[in-house]
Protein backbone atom coordinates (compact mmCIF):
# COMPACT_ATOMS: atom_id res chain seq x y z
CA MET A 1 -15.26 27.66 8.40
CA LEU A 2 -12.02 25.93 7.36
CA HIS A 3 -10.04 29.12 7.82
CA GLY A 4 -11.08 29.25 11.46
CA CYS A 5 -9.55 25.83 12.08
CA ALA A 6 -6.17 26.58 10.49
CA TRP A 7 -4.85 28.15 13.71
CA PHE A 8 -5.23 24.77 15.43
CA ASP A 9 -2.18 23.36 13.60
CA ALA A 10 0.03 25.80 15.50
CA TRP A 11 -1.02 24.19 18.78
CA LEU A 12 -0.27 20.64 17.67
CA PRO A 13 3.19 19.21 18.39
CA PHE A 14 5.45 18.94 15.36
CA SER A 15 5.04 15.80 13.26
CA TYR A 16 7.02 14.79 10.18
CA SER A 17 3.80 13.15 8.93
CA ARG A 18 2.27 16.58 8.39
CA MET A 19 5.11 17.77 6.15
CA PRO A 20 4.29 18.20 2.42
CA VAL A 21 5.83 14.98 1.04
CA PRO A 22 4.32 12.53 3.58
CA LYS A 23 0.94 14.29 3.34
CA ALA A 24 0.97 14.10 -0.46
CA ALA A 25 2.17 10.47 -0.57
CA SER A 26 -0.44 9.27 1.92
CA ARG A 27 -3.43 10.77 0.10
CA HIS A 28 -5.73 8.35 -1.72
CA GLY A 29 -4.85 8.35 -5.43
CA ALA A 30 -1.46 10.01 -4.92
CA THR A 31 0.79 10.13 -7.98
CA ARG A 32 4.39 10.99 -8.83
CA ASP A 33 3.21 14.41 -10.03
CA THR A 34 1.44 15.26 -6.76
CA VAL A 35 4.41 14.13 -4.65
CA VAL A 36 6.98 16.02 -6.74
CA HIS A 37 4.72 19.08 -6.75
CA ALA A 38 4.56 18.94 -2.94
CA GLY A 39 8.22 18.22 -2.22
CA GLY A 40 10.26 18.93 -5.32
CA ASN A 41 12.72 16.56 -6.90
CA PRO A 42 14.00 13.70 -4.72
CA ARG A 43 17.54 13.57 -3.33
CA SER A 44 18.04 10.26 -5.14
CA VAL A 45 16.19 7.57 -7.07
CA TRP A 46 16.33 3.81 -6.42
CA MET A 47 15.07 1.09 -8.76
CA VAL A 48 13.08 -1.45 -6.72
CA ARG A 49 14.79 -4.86 -6.88
CA ASN A 50 11.80 -6.85 -8.13
CA GLY A 51 11.24 -4.37 -10.95
CA SER A 52 7.86 -3.29 -9.64
CA GLY A 53 8.66 0.41 -9.54
CA VAL A 54 10.94 3.28 -8.78
CA CYS A 55 11.60 4.71 -5.33
CA TYR A 56 12.28 8.37 -4.51
CA ASN A 57 14.38 9.28 -1.47
CA TYR A 58 13.56 12.51 0.34
CA LEU A 59 15.23 14.00 3.40
CA LEU A 60 12.74 15.77 5.65
CA GLU A 61 14.25 18.57 7.71
CA HIS A 62 12.99 20.26 10.85
CA GLY A 63 15.48 22.59 12.48
CA ASP A 64 18.71 20.63 12.91
CA GLU A 65 16.95 17.26 12.66
CA ARG A 66 16.66 15.21 9.48
CA ARG A 67 14.61 12.12 8.74
CA PRO A 68 14.62 9.98 5.57
CA TYR A 69 11.37 9.33 3.72
CA PHE A 70 10.75 7.14 0.68
CA VAL A 71 7.96 7.02 -1.89
CA VAL A 72 7.56 4.17 -4.41
CA PHE A 73 5.73 4.62 -7.71
CA ASP A 74 4.52 1.93 -10.09
CA ARG A 75 4.99 2.15 -13.87
CA ALA A 76 1.85 4.28 -14.18
CA GLY A 77 3.17 6.77 -11.61
CA ALA A 78 0.83 5.81 -8.76
CA VAL A 79 2.15 5.68 -5.19
CA THR A 80 2.39 2.07 -3.99
CA HIS A 81 4.49 2.38 -0.81
CA HIS A 82 5.82 5.18 1.37
CA GLY A 83 7.40 5.50 4.78
CA PHE A 84 10.06 6.86 7.08
CA ASP A 85 13.22 5.13 5.87
CA THR A 86 15.50 5.10 2.84
CA CYS A 87 14.58 3.27 -0.35
CA MET A 88 17.59 1.00 0.07
CA ASN A 89 16.68 -0.07 3.62
CA ALA A 90 13.00 -0.55 2.76
CA ASP A 91 13.84 -2.59 -0.36
CA ARG A 92 16.44 -4.77 1.34
CA SER A 93 14.10 -5.51 4.24
CA GLY A 94 11.39 -6.68 1.81
CA ARG A 95 8.92 -3.88 2.51
CA LEU A 96 8.75 -2.88 -1.17
CA GLN A 97 7.59 -6.26 -2.47
CA ALA A 98 4.52 -6.10 -4.70
CA ARG A 99 1.29 -6.57 -2.80
CA ASN A 100 -1.11 -9.34 -3.78
CA GLY A 101 -4.00 -7.98 -5.82
CA GLY A 102 -2.23 -4.71 -6.60
CA ALA A 103 -1.56 -1.70 -4.47
């Protein structure tokens, strides 16, 4: 039954959210291994200012368009934050601060 639904994706408008890295990072229980398996090595790595983790920068490409995407991992390798921006911008704007009660 799932194979019959796969054609539906072709009719949906393009979305960066459905690309491999954002899909992998947004899944419950996502880890560094699952993200790297989905998208390969990051373009660069950023150490989060408060020491709560490491951030991977990816550049998502669709035709001639490019969009930055970041994924933050804690010391255990679990995804704690992700989004459409660079690690530097997200960190400097305070979006990578540790969440109360854990991520």
